[in-house]
PDB file of N, CA and C in Angstrom:
ATOM      1  N   MET A   1      86.854 -27.066 -45.198  1.00  0.00           N
ATOM      2  CA  MET A   1      87.021 -25.747 -44.604  1.00  0.00           C
ATOM      3  C   MET A   1      85.719 -25.287 -43.963  1.00  0.00           C
ATOM      4  N   LYS A   2      84.590 -25.486 -44.664  1.00  0.00           N
ATOM      5  CA  LYS A   2      83.311 -25.058 -44.096  1.00  0.00           C
ATOM      6  C   LYS A   2      83.003 -25.838 -42.821  1.00  0.00           C
ATOM      7  N   LYS A   3      83.389 -27.120 -42.781  1.00  0.00           N
ATOM      8  CA  LYS A   3      83.153 -27.930 -41.595  1.00  0.00           C
ATOM      9  C   LYS A   3      83.957 -27.376 -40.422  1.00  0.00           C
ATOM     10  N   LYS A   4      85.198 -26.998 -40.694  1.00  0.00           N
ATOM     11  CA  LYS A   4      86.061 -26.437 -39.654  1.00  0.00           C
ATOM     12  C   LYS A   4      85.460 -25.130 -39.130  1.00  0.00           C
ATOM     13  N   GLN A   5      84.984 -24.294 -40.039  1.00  0.00           N
ATOM     14  CA  GLN A   5      84.374 -23.026 -39.635  1.00  0.00           C
ATOM     15  C   GLN A   5      83.102 -23.275 -38.828  1.00  0.00           C
ATOM     16  N   ALA A   6      82.329 -24.283 -39.243  1.00  0.00           N
ATOM     17  CA  ALA A   6      81.100 -24.609 -38.511  1.00  0.00           C
ATOM     18  C   ALA A   6      81.435 -25.100 -37.109  1.00  0.00           C
ATOM     19  N   ASN A   7      82.485 -25.933 -37.009  1.00  0.00           N
ATOM     20  CA  ASN A   7      82.911 -26.422 -35.700  1.00  0.00           C
ATOM     21  C   ASN A   7      83.376 -25.273 -34.808  1.00  0.00           C
ATOM     22  N   GLU A   8      84.136 -24.367 -35.395  1.00  0.00           N
ATOM     23  CA  GLU A   8      84.616 -23.212 -34.626  1.00  0.00           C
ATOM     24  C   GLU A   8      83.453 -22.332 -34.179  1.00  0.00           C
ATOM     25  N   ALA A   9      82.479 -22.163 -35.053  1.00  0.00           N
ATOM     26  CA  ALA A   9      81.304 -21.370 -34.704  1.00  0.00           C
ATOM     27  C   ALA A   9      80.518 -22.049 -33.581  1.00  0.00           C
ATOM     28  N   ASN A  10      80.381 -23.381 -33.683  1.00  0.00           N
ATOM     29  CA  ASN A  10      79.684 -24.119 -32.623  1.00  0.00           C
ATOM     30  C   ASN A  10      80.420 -24.000 -31.293  1.00  0.00           C
ATOM     31  N   GLU A  11      81.732 -24.124 -31.334  1.00  0.00           N
ATOM     32  CA  GLU A  11      82.528 -24.000 -30.116  1.00  0.00           C
ATOM     33  C   GLU A  11      82.396 -22.599 -29.516  1.00  0.00           C
ATOM     34  N   ALA A  12      82.399 -21.604 -30.389  1.00  0.00           N
ATOM     35  CA  ALA A  12      82.240 -20.228 -29.919  1.00  0.00           C
ATOM     36  C   ALA A  12      80.864 -20.038 -29.278  1.00  0.00           C
ATOM     37  N   ASN A  13      79.837 -20.599 -29.920  1.00  0.00           N
ATOM     38  CA  ASN A  13      78.484 -20.511 -29.353  1.00  0.00           C
ATOM     39  C   ASN A  13      78.399 -21.207 -28.001  1.00  0.00           C
ATOM     40  N   GLU A  14      78.997 -22.388 -27.919  1.00  0.00           N
ATOM     41  CA  GLU A  14      78.991 -23.118 -26.652  1.00  0.00           C
ATOM     42  C   GLU A  14      79.735 -22.338 -25.569  1.00  0.00           C
ATOM     43  N   ALA A  15      80.837 -21.748 -25.945  1.00  0.00           N
ATOM     44  CA  ALA A  15      81.598 -20.942 -24.978  1.00  0.00           C
ATOM     45  C   ALA A  15      80.776 -19.739 -24.519  1.00  0.00           C
ATOM     46  N   ASN A  16      80.091 -19.099 -25.460  1.00  0.00           N
ATOM     47  CA  ASN A  16      79.243 -17.957 -25.101  1.00  0.00           C
ATOM     48  C   ASN A  16      78.116 -18.381 -24.170  1.00  0.00           C
ATOM     49  N   GLU A  17      77.495 -19.522 -24.483  1.00  0.00           N
ATOM     50  CA  GLU A  17      76.406 -20.015 -23.638  1.00  0.00           C
ATOM     51  C   GLU A  17      76.919 -20.345 -22.244  1.00  0.00           C
ATOM     52  N   ALA A  18      78.107 -20.945 -22.177  1.00  0.00           N
ATOM     53  CA  ALA A  18      78.691 -21.264 -20.871  1.00  0.00           C
ATOM     54  C   ALA A  18      78.986 -19.985 -20.094  1.00  0.00           C
ATOM     55  N   ASN A  19      79.513 -18.970 -20.778  1.00  0.00           N
ATOM     56  CA  ASN A  19      79.785 -17.692 -20.114  1.00  0.00           C
ATOM     57  C   ASN A  19      78.509 -17.044 -19.608  1.00  0.00           C
ATOM     58  N   GLU A  20      77.476 -17.087 -20.432  1.00  0.00           N
ATOM     59  CA  GLU A  20      76.194 -16.511 -20.017  1.00  0.00           C
ATOM     60  C   GLU A  20      75.626 -17.258 -18.813  1.00  0.00           C
ATOM     61  N   ALA A  21      75.762 -18.585 -18.820  1.00  0.00           N
ATOM     62  CA  ALA A  21      75.270 -19.380 -17.686  1.00  0.00           C
ATOM     63  C   ALA A  21      76.061 -19.038 -16.426  1.00  0.00           C
ATOM     64  N   ASN A  22      77.366 -18.894 -16.558  1.00  0.00           N
ATOM     65  CA  ASN A  22      78.198 -18.525 -15.403  1.00  0.00           C
ATOM     66  C   ASN A  22      77.818 -17.146 -14.868  1.00  0.00           C
ATOM     67  N   GLU A  23      77.612 -16.223 -15.780  1.00  0.00           N
ATOM     68  CA  GLU A  23      77.226 -14.869 -15.359  1.00  0.00           C
ATOM     69  C   GLU A  23      75.873 -14.884 -14.651  1.00  0.00           C
ATOM     70  N   ALA A  24      74.953 -15.694 -15.176  1.00  0.00           N
ATOM     71  CA  ALA A  24      73.636 -15.804 -14.537  1.00  0.00           C
ATOM     72  C   ALA A  24      73.772 -16.416 -13.151  1.00  0.00           C
ATOM     73  N   ASN A  25      74.610 -17.442 -13.028  1.00  0.00           N
ATOM     74  CA  ASN A  25      74.835 -18.064 -11.721  1.00  0.00           C
ATOM     75  C   ASN A  25      75.454 -17.081 -10.743  1.00  0.00           C
ATOM     76  N   GLU A  26      76.418 -16.314 -11.214  1.00  0.00           N
ATOM     77  CA  GLU A  26      77.051 -15.315 -10.354  1.00  0.00           C
ATOM     78  C   GLU A  26      76.045 -14.252  -9.917  1.00  0.00           C
ATOM     79  N   ALA A  27      75.201 -13.838 -10.851  1.00  0.00           N
ATOM     80  CA  ALA A  27      74.181 -12.843 -10.514  1.00  0.00           C
ATOM     81  C   ALA A  27      73.193 -13.415  -9.503  1.00  0.00           C
ATOM     82  N   ASN A  28      72.814 -14.671  -9.686  1.00  0.00           N
ATOM     83  CA  ASN A  28      71.906 -15.321  -8.737  1.00  0.00           C
ATOM     84  C   ASN A  28      72.539 -15.417  -7.357  1.00  0.00           C
ATOM     85  N   GLU A  29      73.807 -15.769  -7.321  1.00  0.00           N
ATOM     86  CA  GLU A  29      74.511 -15.875  -6.034  1.00  0.00           C
ATOM     87  C   GLU A  29      74.592 -14.512  -5.353  1.00  0.00           C
ATOM     88  N   ALA A  30      74.891 -13.487  -6.126  1.00  0.00           N
ATOM     89  CA  ALA A  30      74.942 -12.132  -5.564  1.00  0.00           C
ATOM     90  C   ALA A  30      73.576 -11.720  -5.039  1.00  0.00           C
ATOM     91  N   SER A  31      72.542 -12.079  -5.764  1.00  0.00           N
ATOM     92  CA  SER A  31      71.173 -11.771  -5.341  1.00  0.00           C
ATOM     93  C   SER A  31      70.836 -12.498  -4.044  1.00  0.00           C
ATOM     94  N   LYS A  32      71.250 -13.758  -3.948  1.00  0.00           N
ATOM     95  CA  LYS A  32      71.008 -14.530  -2.722  1.00  0.00           C
ATOM     96  C   LYS A  32      71.702 -13.875  -1.534  1.00  0.00           C
ATOM     97  N   GLN A  33      72.960 -13.481  -1.749  1.00  0.00           N
ATOM     98  CA  GLN A  33      73.721 -12.855  -0.664  1.00  0.00           C
ATOM     99  C   GLN A  33      73.073 -11.539  -0.241  1.00  0.00           C
ATOM    100  N   ALA A  34      72.636 -10.769  -1.209  1.00  0.00           N
ATOM    101  CA  ALA A  34      71.980  -9.493  -0.894  1.00  0.00           C
ATOM    102  C   ALA A  34      70.693  -9.747  -0.124  1.00  0.00           C
ATOM    103  N   SER A  35      69.972 -10.778  -0.505  1.00  0.00           N
ATOM    104  CA  SER A  35      68.731 -11.131   0.181  1.00  0.00           C
ATOM    105  C   SER A  35      69.008 -11.551   1.620  1.00  0.00           C
ATOM    106  N   LYS A  36      70.067 -12.336   1.812  1.00  0.00           N
ATOM    107  CA  LYS A  36      70.434 -12.757   3.172  1.00  0.00           C
ATOM    108  C   LYS A  36      70.784 -11.545   4.035  1.00  0.00           C
ATOM    109  N   GLN A  37      71.559 -10.629   3.450  1.00  0.00           N
ATOM    110  CA  GLN A  37      71.937  -9.433   4.197  1.00  0.00           C
ATOM    111  C   GLN A  37      70.715  -8.598   4.551  1.00  0.00           C
ATOM    112  N   ALA A  38      69.799  -8.474   3.607  1.00  0.00           N
ATOM    113  CA  ALA A  38      68.574  -7.706   3.861  1.00  0.00           C
ATOM    114  C   ALA A  38      67.754  -8.380   4.957  1.00  0.00           C
ATOM    115  N   SER A  39      67.717  -9.701   4.940  1.00  0.00           N
ATOM    116  CA  SER A  39      66.980 -10.442   5.965  1.00  0.00           C
ATOM    117  C   SER A  39      67.606 -10.213   7.338  1.00  0.00           C
ATOM    118  N   LYS A  40      68.940 -10.235   7.392  1.00  0.00           N
ATOM    119  CA  LYS A  40      69.626  -9.983   8.667  1.00  0.00           C
ATOM    120  C   LYS A  40      69.326  -8.575   9.168  1.00  0.00           C
ATOM    121  N   ARG A  41      69.367  -7.602   8.238  1.00  0.00           N
ATOM    122  CA  ARG A  41      69.064  -6.217   8.639  1.00  0.00           C
ATOM    123  C   ARG A  41      67.631  -6.110   9.151  1.00  0.00           C
ATOM    124  N   SER A  42      66.730  -6.807   8.482  1.00  0.00           N
ATOM    125  CA  SER A  42      65.319  -6.782   8.888  1.00  0.00           C
ATOM    126  C   SER A  42      65.153  -7.374  10.286  1.00  0.00           C
ATOM    127  N   LYS A  43      65.834  -8.492  10.546  1.00  0.00           N
ATOM    128  CA  LYS A  43      65.749  -9.116  11.866  1.00  0.00           C
ATOM    129  C   LYS A  43      66.305  -8.183  12.940  1.00  0.00           C
ATOM    130  N   ARG A  44      67.452  -7.559  12.642  1.00  0.00           N
ATOM    131  CA  ARG A  44      68.043  -6.628  13.621  1.00  0.00           C
ATOM    132  C   ARG A  44      67.123  -5.444  13.853  1.00  0.00           C
ATOM    133  N   SER A  45      66.508  -4.959  12.800  1.00  0.00           N
ATOM    134  CA  SER A  45      65.582  -3.836  12.925  1.00  0.00           C
ATOM    135  C   SER A  45      64.381  -4.228  13.775  1.00  0.00           C
ATOM    136  N   LYS A  46      63.869  -5.427  13.546  1.00  0.00           N
ATOM    137  CA  LYS A  46      62.728  -5.912  14.327  1.00  0.00           C
ATOM    138  C   LYS A  46      63.109  -6.022  15.800  1.00  0.00           C
ATOM    139  N   GLN A  47      64.300  -6.563  16.059  1.00  0.00           N
ATOM    140  CA  GLN A  47      64.757  -6.694  17.442  1.00  0.00           C
ATOM    141  C   GLN A  47      64.926  -5.328  18.094  1.00  0.00           C
ATOM    142  N   ALA A  48      65.460  -4.387  17.337  1.00  0.00           N
ATOM    143  CA  ALA A  48      65.639  -3.034  17.868  1.00  0.00           C
ATOM    144  C   ALA A  48      64.283  -2.399  18.168  1.00  0.00           C
ATOM    145  N   ASN A  49      63.319  -2.605  17.281  1.00  0.00           N
ATOM    146  CA  ASN A  49      61.969  -2.068  17.511  1.00  0.00           C
ATOM    147  C   ASN A  49      61.349  -2.674  18.765  1.00  0.00           C
ATOM    148  N   GLU A  50      61.527  -3.984  18.921  1.00  0.00           N
ATOM    149  CA  GLU A  50      60.984  -4.648  20.106  1.00  0.00           C
ATOM    150  C   GLU A  50      61.656  -4.119  21.378  1.00  0.00           C
ATOM    151  N   ALA A  51      62.966  -3.914  21.307  1.00  0.00           N
ATOM    152  CA  ALA A  51      63.679  -3.372  22.468  1.00  0.00           C
ATOM    153  C   ALA A  51      63.206  -1.956  22.771  1.00  0.00           C
ATOM    154  N   ASN A  52      62.995  -1.161  21.746  1.00  0.00           N
ATOM    155  CA  ASN A  52      62.489   0.199  21.953  1.00  0.00           C
ATOM    156  C   ASN A  52      61.109   0.186  22.595  1.00  0.00           C
ATOM    157  N   GLU A  53      60.257  -0.720  22.141  1.00  0.00           N
ATOM    158  CA  GLU A  53      58.920  -0.832  22.724  1.00  0.00           C
ATOM    159  C   GLU A  53      59.007  -1.257  24.190  1.00  0.00           C
ATOM    160  N   ALA A  54      59.898  -2.211  24.480  1.00  0.00           N
ATOM    161  CA  ALA A  54      60.074  -2.655  25.865  1.00  0.00           C
ATOM    162  C   ALA A  54      60.598  -1.511  26.729  1.00  0.00           C
ATOM    163  N   ASN A  55      61.526  -0.736  26.188  1.00  0.00           N
ATOM    164  CA  ASN A  55      62.058   0.410  26.936  1.00  0.00           C
ATOM    165  C   ASN A  55      60.965   1.435  27.202  1.00  0.00           C
ATOM    166  N   GLU A  56      60.127   1.665  26.221  1.00  0.00           N
ATOM    167  CA  GLU A  56      59.035   2.633  26.392  1.00  0.00           C
ATOM    168  C   GLU A  56      58.049   2.141  27.449  1.00  0.00           C
ATOM    169  N   ALA A  57      57.733   0.855  27.411  1.00  0.00           N
ATOM    170  CA  ALA A  57      56.828   0.284  28.418  1.00  0.00           C
ATOM    171  C   ALA A  57      57.452   0.392  29.807  1.00  0.00           C
ATOM    172  N   SER A  58      58.752   0.162  29.883  1.00  0.00           N
ATOM    173  CA  SER A  58      59.458   0.276  31.169  1.00  0.00           C
ATOM    174  C   SER A  58      59.430   1.710  31.676  1.00  0.00           C
ATOM    175  N   LYS A  59      59.625   2.670  30.786  1.00  0.00           N
ATOM    176  CA  LYS A  59      59.557   4.084  31.180  1.00  0.00           C
ATOM    177  C   LYS A  59      58.179   4.420  31.735  1.00  0.00           C
ATOM    178  N   GLN A  60      57.150   3.943  31.046  1.00  0.00           N
ATOM    179  CA  GLN A  60      55.783   4.225  31.489  1.00  0.00           C
ATOM    180  C   GLN A  60      55.512   3.578  32.848  1.00  0.00           C
ATOM    181  N   ALA A  61      56.009   2.348  33.033  1.00  0.00           N
ATOM    182  CA  ALA A  61      55.831   1.681  34.319  1.00  0.00           C
ATOM    183  C   ALA A  61      56.582   2.438  35.417  1.00  0.00           C
ATOM    184  N   ASN A  62      57.779   2.912  35.124  1.00  0.00           N
ATOM    185  CA  ASN A  62      58.541   3.695  36.103  1.00  0.00           C
ATOM    186  C   ASN A  62      57.803   4.975  36.466  1.00  0.00           C
ATOM    187  N   GLU A  63      57.240   5.614  35.468  1.00  0.00           N
ATOM    188  CA  GLU A  63      56.494   6.855  35.708  1.00  0.00           C
ATOM    189  C   GLU A  63      55.267   6.567  36.574  1.00  0.00           C
ATOM    190  N   ALA A  64      54.587   5.467  36.280  1.00  0.00           N
ATOM    191  CA  ALA A  64      53.425   5.091  37.085  1.00  0.00           C
ATOM    192  C   ALA A  64      53.841   4.780  38.518  1.00  0.00           C
ATOM    193  N   ASN A  65      54.983   4.118  38.680  1.00  0.00           N
ATOM    194  CA  ASN A  65      55.481   3.815  40.023  1.00  0.00           C
ATOM    195  C   ASN A  65      55.823   5.095  40.785  1.00  0.00           C
ATOM    196  N   LYS A  66      56.428   6.048  40.106  1.00  0.00           N
ATOM    197  CA  LYS A  66      56.758   7.334  40.751  1.00  0.00           C
ATOM    198  C   LYS A  66      55.482   8.038  41.208  1.00  0.00           C
ATOM    199  N   GLU A  67      54.490   8.047  40.328  1.00  0.00           N
ATOM    200  CA  GLU A  67      53.218   8.701  40.664  1.00  0.00           C
ATOM    201  C   GLU A  67      52.559   8.000  41.847  1.00  0.00           C
ATOM    202  N   SER A  68      52.600   6.674  41.829  1.00  0.00           N
ATOM    203  CA  SER A  68      52.032   5.910  42.933  1.00  0.00           C
ATOM    204  C   SER A  68      52.772   6.213  44.236  1.00  0.00           C
ATOM    205  N   SER A  69      54.080   6.317  44.147  1.00  0.00           N
ATOM    206  CA  SER A  69      54.887   6.639  45.324  1.00  0.00           C
ATOM    207  C   SER A  69      54.540   8.014  45.859  1.00  0.00           C
ATOM    208  N   ARG A  70      54.366   8.990  44.966  1.00  0.00           N
ATOM    209  CA  ARG A  70      53.980  10.339  45.392  1.00  0.00           C
ATOM    210  C   ARG A  70      52.630  10.311  46.109  1.00  0.00           C
ATOM    211  N   THR A  71      51.708   9.547  45.526  1.00  0.00           N
ATOM    212  CA  THR A  71      50.369   9.445  46.118  1.00  0.00           C
ATOM    213  C   THR A  71      50.453   8.803  47.503  1.00  0.00           C
ATOM    214  N   ASN A  72      51.238   7.743  47.604  1.00  0.00           N
ATOM    215  CA  ASN A  72      51.384   7.068  48.892  1.00  0.00           C
ATOM    216  C   ASN A  72      52.001   7.989  49.939  1.00  0.00           C
ATOM    217  N   LYS A  73      52.964   8.805  49.530  1.00  0.00           N
ATOM    218  CA  LYS A  73      53.590   9.743  50.472  1.00  0.00           C
ATOM    219  C   LYS A  73      52.573  10.760  50.963  1.00  0.00           C
ATOM    220  N   MET A  74      51.676  11.196  50.063  1.00  0.00           N
ATOM    221  CA  MET A  74      50.657  12.168  50.456  1.00  0.00           C
ATOM    222  C   MET A  74      49.677  11.535  51.438  1.00  0.00           C
ATOM    223  N   ILE A  75      49.363  10.267  51.213  1.00  0.00           N
ATOM    224  CA  ILE A  75      48.424   9.582  52.100  1.00  0.00           C
ATOM    225  C   ILE A  75      49.039   9.418  53.488  1.00  0.00           C
ATOM    226  N   LEU A  76      50.317   9.073  53.503  1.00  0.00           N
ATOM    227  CA  LEU A  76      50.994   8.888  54.798  1.00  0.00           C
ATOM    228  C   LEU A  76      51.229  10.238  55.432  1.00  0.00           C
TER     229      LEU A  76
END
């Protein structure tokens, strides 16, 4: 009887360890997915920042061109 109880206890322990390992794997997978999503958001944010900077540079160049055009009209 004690052997049977010991076997059952061992099986229960093994099952618990397997469940804990599965839960850890699931948590790791969820963490990986969250990290990938954060990386994608970071890349999109970086691209948006670069586009904003390019737009700002374009605005400044347009403004400089307008000013140059005004100056040229005054000269002519």
